[in-house]
Amino acid sequence: MVSSRDGATAIEYGLIAAMISLAIITSLELLGPSLNQMFQLILSGFA
């Protein structure tokens, strides 16, 4: 019975990791253009 619980726990951790990854990818897609503008502004200040 213990191995059944271990397998379920591994699946749960995998699902949590997948959801966190999806949230990170989505936020980077949404914020990408504004982050690019910000870094371009910073780099132009050094030039």
Protein backbone atom coordinates (compact mmCIF):
# COMPACT_ATOMS: atom_id res chain seq x y z
CA MET A 1 0.00 0.00 0.00
CA VAL A 2 2.90 2.38 0.63
CA SER A 3 4.12 2.23 -2.98
CA SER A 4 0.65 3.22 -4.19
CA ARG A 5 0.80 6.37 -2.07
CA ASP A 6 4.33 7.13 -3.23
CA GLY A 7 3.20 6.95 -6.85
CA ALA A 8 0.27 9.24 -6.18
CA THR A 9 2.56 11.72 -4.42
CA ALA A 10 4.97 11.71 -7.36
CA ILE A 11 2.10 12.39 -9.76
CA GLU A 12 0.86 15.25 -7.57
CA TYR A 13 4.32 16.83 -7.48
CA GLY A 14 4.55 16.46 -11.25
CA LEU A 15 1.21 18.20 -11.71
CA ILE A 16 2.24 21.03 -9.39
CA ALA A 17 5.50 21.48 -11.30
CA ALA A 18 3.60 21.53 -14.60
CA MET A 19 1.17 24.18 -13.33
CA ILE A 20 4.01 26.37 -12.04
CA SER A 21 5.81 26.03 -15.38
CA LEU A 22 2.66 26.97 -17.26
CA ALA A 23 2.18 30.04 -15.06
CA ILE A 24 5.77 31.16 -15.63
CA ILE A 25 5.55 30.68 -19.40
CA THR A 26 2.24 32.53 -19.57
CA SER A 27 3.51 35.47 -17.53
CA LEU A 28 6.65 35.73 -19.65
CA GLU A 29 4.55 35.72 -22.81
CA LEU A 30 2.36 38.50 -21.46
CA LEU A 31 5.18 40.60 -20.01
CA GLY A 32 7.74 39.91 -22.73
CA PRO A 33 7.20 43.02 -24.86
CA SER A 34 7.25 45.42 -21.89
CA LEU A 35 10.34 43.73 -20.44
CA ASN A 36 12.05 44.06 -23.81
CA GLN A 37 11.27 47.78 -23.91
CA MET A 38 12.56 48.24 -20.37
CA PHE A 39 15.86 46.49 -21.11
CA GLN A 40 16.28 48.45 -24.35
CA LEU A 41 15.80 51.68 -22.40
CA ILE A 42 18.37 50.60 -19.82
CA LEU A 43 20.86 49.60 -22.51
CA SER A 44 20.40 52.87 -24.36
CA GLY A 45 21.31 54.68 -21.15
CA PHE A 46 24.71 52.97 -21.15
CA ALA A 47 25.48 53.83 -24.77
